C-alpha atoms as a PDB file:
ATOM      1  CA  MET A   1       5.824  43.600  24.319  1.00  0.00           C
ATOM      2  CA  GLY A   2       4.899  40.620  26.225  1.00  0.00           C
ATOM      3  CA  ASN A   3       1.475  40.427  23.609  1.00  0.00           C
ATOM      4  CA  ILE A   4       4.167  40.295  20.943  1.00  0.00           C
ATOM      5  CA  TRP A   5       5.830  37.566  22.488  1.00  0.00           C
ATOM      6  CA  HIS A   6       2.976  35.079  22.911  1.00  0.00           C
ATOM      7  CA  ASP A   7       1.674  35.999  19.632  1.00  0.00           C
ATOM      8  CA  PHE A   8       5.114  34.789  18.282  1.00  0.00           C
ATOM      9  CA  THR A   9       5.538  31.293  20.338  1.00  0.00           C
ATOM     10  CA  LYS A  10       1.458  30.174  19.384  1.00  0.00           C
ATOM     11  CA  TRP A  11       2.438  30.471  16.370  1.00  0.00           C
ATOM     12  CA  LEU A  12       5.001  28.455  16.424  1.00  0.00           C
ATOM     13  CA  GLU A  13       4.213  26.319  18.182  1.00  0.00           C
ATOM     14  CA  ASP A  14       1.266  25.716  15.436  1.00  0.00           C
ATOM     15  CA  ALA A  15       3.965  26.344  12.697  1.00  0.00           C
ATOM     16  CA  SER A  16       5.692  23.073  14.796  1.00  0.00           C
ATOM     17  CA  ASN A  17       2.955  21.062  14.844  1.00  0.00           C
ATOM     18  CA  VAL A  18       1.912  21.031  11.389  1.00  0.00           C
ATOM     19  CA  VAL A  19       5.476  20.251  10.502  1.00  0.00           C
ATOM     20  CA  GLY A  20       5.127  17.660  12.270  1.00  0.00           C
ATOM     21  CA  LYS A  21       2.000  15.981  11.530  1.00  0.00           C
ATOM     22  CA  GLU A  22       3.044  16.920   7.545  1.00  0.00           C
ATOM     23  CA  ALA A  23       6.362  14.539   8.310  1.00  0.00           C
ATOM     24  CA  GLY A  24       4.380  11.748   9.549  1.00  0.00           C
ATOM     25  CA  ASP A  25       2.089  12.364   6.973  1.00  0.00           C
ATOM     26  CA  LEU A  26       4.910  11.068   4.215  1.00  0.00           C
ATOM     27  CA  THR A  27       6.859   9.072   6.410  1.00  0.00           C
ATOM     28  CA  LEU A  28       3.760   7.106   6.362  1.00  0.00           C
ATOM     29  CA  LYS A  29       3.036   7.896   2.771  1.00  0.00           C
ATOM     30  CA  GLY A  30       6.718   6.191   2.198  1.00  0.00           C
ATOM     31  CA  ARG A  31       6.298   2.969   4.386  1.00  0.00           C
ATOM     32  CA  LEU A  32       3.212   1.613   2.428  1.00  0.00           C
ATOM     33  CA  LYS A  33       4.263   2.948  -0.608  1.00  0.00           C
ATOM     34  CA  LEU A  34       7.689   0.719   0.039  1.00  0.00           C
ATOM     35  CA  GLU A  35       4.996  -1.962   0.663  1.00  0.00           C
ATOM     36  CA  ILE A  36       2.412  -1.759  -2.348  1.00  0.00           C
ATOM     37  CA  PHE A  37       5.725  -1.538  -4.369  1.00  0.00           C
ATOM     38  CA  GLU A  38       7.002  -5.351  -2.510  1.00  0.00           C
ATOM     39  CA  LEU A  39       3.785  -6.772  -2.644  1.00  0.00           C
ATOM     40  CA  ASN A  40       3.234  -5.789  -6.695  1.00  0.00           C
ATOM     41  CA  ARG A  41       6.492  -7.604  -7.210  1.00  0.00           C
ATOM     42  CA  LYS A  42       5.359 -10.680  -5.695  1.00  0.00           C
ATOM     43  CA  LEU A  43       2.132 -10.997  -7.633  1.00  0.00           C
ATOM     44  CA  ARG A  44       4.300 -10.571 -10.336  1.00  0.00           C
ATOM     45  CA  GLU A  45       6.018 -13.131  -9.717  1.00  0.00           C
ATOM     46  CA  HIS A  46       3.110 -15.288  -8.640  1.00  0.00           C
ATOM     47  CA  TYR A  47       1.237 -14.971 -11.819  1.00  0.00           C
ATOM     48  CA  ALA A  48       5.018 -16.470 -13.551  1.00  0.00           C
ATOM     49  CA  THR A  49       4.568 -19.014 -11.368  1.00  0.00           C
ATOM     50  CA  LEU A  50       0.674 -19.975 -12.233  1.00  0.00           C
ATOM     51  CA  GLY A  51       1.942 -19.140 -16.228  1.00  0.00           C
ATOM     52  CA  MET A  52       4.625 -21.775 -15.959  1.00  0.00           C
ATOM     53  CA  ILE A  53       2.892 -23.850 -14.223  1.00  0.00           C
ATOM     54  CA  ALA A  54      -0.309 -23.821 -16.851  1.00  0.00           C
ATOM     55  CA  TYR A  55       2.286 -23.946 -19.802  1.00  0.00           C
ATOM     56  CA  ASP A  56       4.144 -26.990 -17.798  1.00  0.00           C
ATOM     57  CA  GLU A  57       0.389 -28.855 -17.401  1.00  0.00           C
ATOM     58  CA  PHE A  58      -1.861 -27.796 -19.767  1.00  0.00           C
ATOM     59  CA  PHE A  59       1.154 -27.738 -23.237  1.00  0.00           C
ATOM     60  CA  VAL A  60       3.649 -29.671 -21.444  1.00  0.00           C
ATOM     61  CA  LYS A  61       1.609 -33.023 -19.898  1.00  0.00           C
ATOM     62  CA  LYS A  62      -1.534 -31.604 -22.222  1.00  0.00           C
ATOM     63  CA  THR A  63      -3.444 -32.028 -18.537  1.00  0.00           C
ATOM     64  CA  GLU A  64      -6.814 -30.627 -19.000  1.00  0.00           C
ATOM     65  CA  ASN A  65      -8.286 -29.955 -15.455  1.00  0.00           C
ATOM     66  CA  TRP A  66      -4.322 -27.851 -14.007  1.00  0.00           C
ATOM     67  CA  HIS A  67      -6.060 -24.970 -12.882  1.00  0.00           C
ATOM     68  CA  LYS A  68      -8.158 -27.685 -10.852  1.00  0.00           C
ATOM     69  CA  ARG A  69      -4.332 -28.951  -9.522  1.00  0.00           C
ATOM     70  CA  LYS A  70      -3.511 -27.875  -5.389  1.00  0.00           C
ATOM     71  CA  LYS A  71      -0.655 -26.332  -7.050  1.00  0.00           C
ATOM     72  CA  SER A  72      -2.386 -24.262  -9.004  1.00  0.00           C
ATOM     73  CA  MET A  73      -4.953 -23.501  -7.062  1.00  0.00           C
ATOM     74  CA  ALA A  74      -2.257 -22.427  -3.754  1.00  0.00           C
ATOM     75  CA  VAL A  75      -0.495 -20.402  -6.645  1.00  0.00           C
ATOM     76  CA  ILE A  76      -4.208 -18.322  -7.315  1.00  0.00           C
ATOM     77  CA  ARG A  77      -5.465 -18.506  -3.352  1.00  0.00           C
ATOM     78  CA  GLN A  78      -2.053 -16.614  -3.408  1.00  0.00           C
ATOM     79  CA  ILE A  79      -2.249 -14.329  -5.925  1.00  0.00           C
ATOM     80  CA  ARG A  80      -5.713 -13.505  -4.280  1.00  0.00           C
ATOM     81  CA  ALA A  81      -4.569 -13.470  -1.586  1.00  0.00           C
ATOM     82  CA  LYS A  82      -2.014 -10.584  -2.427  1.00  0.00           C
ATOM     83  CA  ILE A  83      -4.415  -8.968  -4.237  1.00  0.00           C
ATOM     84  CA  ARG A  84      -6.626  -8.465  -1.304  1.00  0.00           C
ATOM     85  CA  ALA A  85      -3.210  -7.393   0.695  1.00  0.00           C
ATOM     86  CA  LEU A  86      -2.484  -4.418  -2.072  1.00  0.00           C
ATOM     87  CA  GLU A  87      -6.558  -2.556  -2.284  1.00  0.00           C
ATOM     88  CA  LYS A  88      -6.611  -2.491   1.628  1.00  0.00           C
ATOM     89  CA  LYS A  89      -2.643  -0.714   1.026  1.00  0.00           C
ATOM     90  CA  GLU A  90      -3.597   2.000  -1.366  1.00  0.00           C
ATOM     91  CA  LYS A  91      -7.093   3.005   0.322  1.00  0.00           C
ATOM     92  CA  ALA A  92      -4.659   3.489   3.389  1.00  0.00           C
ATOM     93  CA  TYR A  93      -1.910   4.978   1.672  1.00  0.00           C
ATOM     94  CA  LYS A  94      -5.055   7.373  -0.219  1.00  0.00           C
ATOM     95  CA  LYS A  95      -6.121   8.079   2.923  1.00  0.00           C
ATOM     96  CA  VAL A  96      -2.836   9.821   4.812  1.00  0.00           C
ATOM     97  CA  GLY A  97      -2.656  13.729   5.029  1.00  0.00           C
ATOM     98  CA  LYS A  98      -6.430  13.183   3.412  1.00  0.00           C
ATOM     99  CA  LYS A  99      -7.897  14.291   7.138  1.00  0.00           C
ATOM    100  CA  SER A 100      -5.828  17.861   7.860  1.00  0.00           C
ATOM    101  CA  LYS A 101      -6.466  18.736   4.519  1.00  0.00           C
ATOM    102  CA  THR A 102     -10.885  18.709   4.940  1.00  0.00           C
ATOM    103  CA  LYS A 103     -10.221  20.789   8.470  1.00  0.00           C
ATOM    104  CA  LYS A 104     -11.331  24.000   8.456  1.00  0.00           C
ATOM    105  CA  LYS A 105      -9.495  26.473   8.961  1.00  0.00           C
ATOM    106  CA  ARG A 106      -9.699  29.410  11.466  1.00  0.00           C
END
């Protein structure tokens, strides 16, 4: 009877470790997904801002080198930074949980 109890407690301990790991992975994935959503939203805002600047400078003011102006370059730098951050977050999102799934079962 003692052996069965030991096996049961060992199984219960292993199961709780797996559940805890999965819950942690889901929490991390949720947080990363929210950060990805926020970065995409900010990226859309920057694209809209750049579009307004381009329209105003090129069509309204007839400026030839609108894309070389400080205002345009600042928005372009922000867009590039958001794209880099977005790529990092998406890569981190894809990695969550992969380590535990690649381990061999006993």
